[in-house]
Amino acid sequence: MRELNRWRRFGALLVLVVTTLATSGYIGPGAGAGAIAVLIAVMLGVLLLFAGVFWYPLKRMVRSRRGEASAEEDAGR
């Protein structure tokens, strides 16, 4: 019986949230443009985070290996 009561509460809460979201669905053009700008900024921030954390160390490692390989070739001549 307690489980059924819990599901009824959850259903009532779900209905309340869904109907509330539907009634307050309109946002103005300025707020919409601001939300889109924030979304783009967050995506670019994540992209730059990955570039800084993964790409530049890999690039540095590749350059250092190329430098070692060219030094070995020069020593063999």
Protein backbone atom coordinates (compact mmCIF):
# COMPACT_ATOMS: atom_id res chain seq x y z
CA MET A 1 0.00 0.00 0.00
CA ARG A 2 2.85 2.38 0.77
CA GLU A 3 4.38 1.69 -2.64
CA LEU A 4 1.10 2.57 -4.36
CA ASN A 5 0.86 5.79 -2.35
CA ARG A 6 4.42 6.68 -3.37
CA TRP A 7 3.57 6.16 -7.05
CA ARG A 8 0.45 8.30 -6.70
CA ARG A 9 2.52 11.12 -5.21
CA PHE A 10 5.06 10.78 -7.97
CA GLY A 11 2.30 10.86 -10.61
CA ALA A 12 0.72 13.94 -9.07
CA LEU A 13 4.08 15.69 -8.96
CA LEU A 14 4.79 14.73 -12.56
CA VAL A 15 1.42 16.11 -13.73
CA LEU A 16 2.03 19.31 -11.80
CA VAL A 17 5.48 19.81 -13.29
CA VAL A 18 4.40 19.02 -16.85
CA THR A 19 1.41 21.38 -16.74
CA THR A 20 3.50 24.11 -15.14
CA LEU A 21 6.15 23.80 -17.84
CA ALA A 22 3.52 23.97 -20.57
CA THR A 23 1.96 27.14 -19.20
CA SER A 24 5.24 28.99 -18.79
CA GLY A 25 6.72 27.89 -22.11
CA TYR A 26 7.06 31.33 -23.70
CA ILE A 27 10.24 33.31 -23.28
CA GLY A 28 10.86 36.61 -24.98
CA PRO A 29 13.20 37.06 -27.93
CA GLY A 30 15.87 38.72 -25.82
CA ALA A 31 15.93 35.92 -23.27
CA GLY A 32 15.94 33.34 -26.07
CA ALA A 33 18.89 34.99 -27.80
CA GLY A 34 20.70 35.23 -24.48
CA ALA A 35 20.09 31.56 -23.78
CA ILE A 36 21.41 30.61 -27.22
CA ALA A 37 24.49 32.81 -26.71
CA VAL A 38 25.17 31.17 -23.34
CA LEU A 39 24.77 27.71 -24.88
CA ILE A 40 27.23 28.55 -27.65
CA ALA A 41 29.69 30.02 -25.15
CA VAL A 42 29.52 26.91 -22.97
CA MET A 43 30.09 24.62 -25.97
CA LEU A 44 33.07 26.69 -27.12
CA GLY A 45 34.43 26.67 -23.58
CA VAL A 46 34.24 22.89 -23.45
CA LEU A 47 35.89 22.65 -26.86
CA LEU A 48 38.75 24.92 -25.76
CA LEU A 49 39.06 22.95 -22.53
CA PHE A 50 39.58 19.75 -24.47
CA ALA A 51 42.01 21.51 -26.80
CA GLY A 52 44.07 22.74 -23.88
CA VAL A 53 43.99 19.50 -21.94
CA PHE A 54 44.45 16.99 -24.76
CA TRP A 55 45.57 18.57 -28.03
CA TYR A 56 48.50 20.73 -26.93
CA PRO A 57 50.23 18.06 -24.82
CA LEU A 58 49.86 15.59 -27.69
CA LYS A 59 51.24 18.16 -30.12
CA ARG A 60 54.19 18.81 -27.82
CA MET A 61 54.85 15.05 -27.51
CA VAL A 62 54.78 14.59 -31.30
CA ARG A 63 57.13 17.51 -31.81
CA SER A 64 59.56 16.18 -29.22
CA ARG A 65 59.56 12.74 -30.87
CA ARG A 66 60.18 14.30 -34.27
CA GLY A 67 63.06 16.24 -32.77
CA GLU A 68 64.57 13.03 -31.37
CA ALA A 69 64.17 11.23 -34.70
CA SER A 70 65.86 14.02 -36.65
CA ALA A 71 68.70 14.11 -34.07
CA GLU A 72 69.24 10.36 -34.55
CA GLU A 73 69.31 10.78 -38.34
CA ASP A 74 71.87 13.57 -38.04
CA ALA A 75 74.05 11.41 -35.78
CA GLY A 76 74.00 8.54 -38.29
CA ARG A 77 75.37 10.66 -41.15
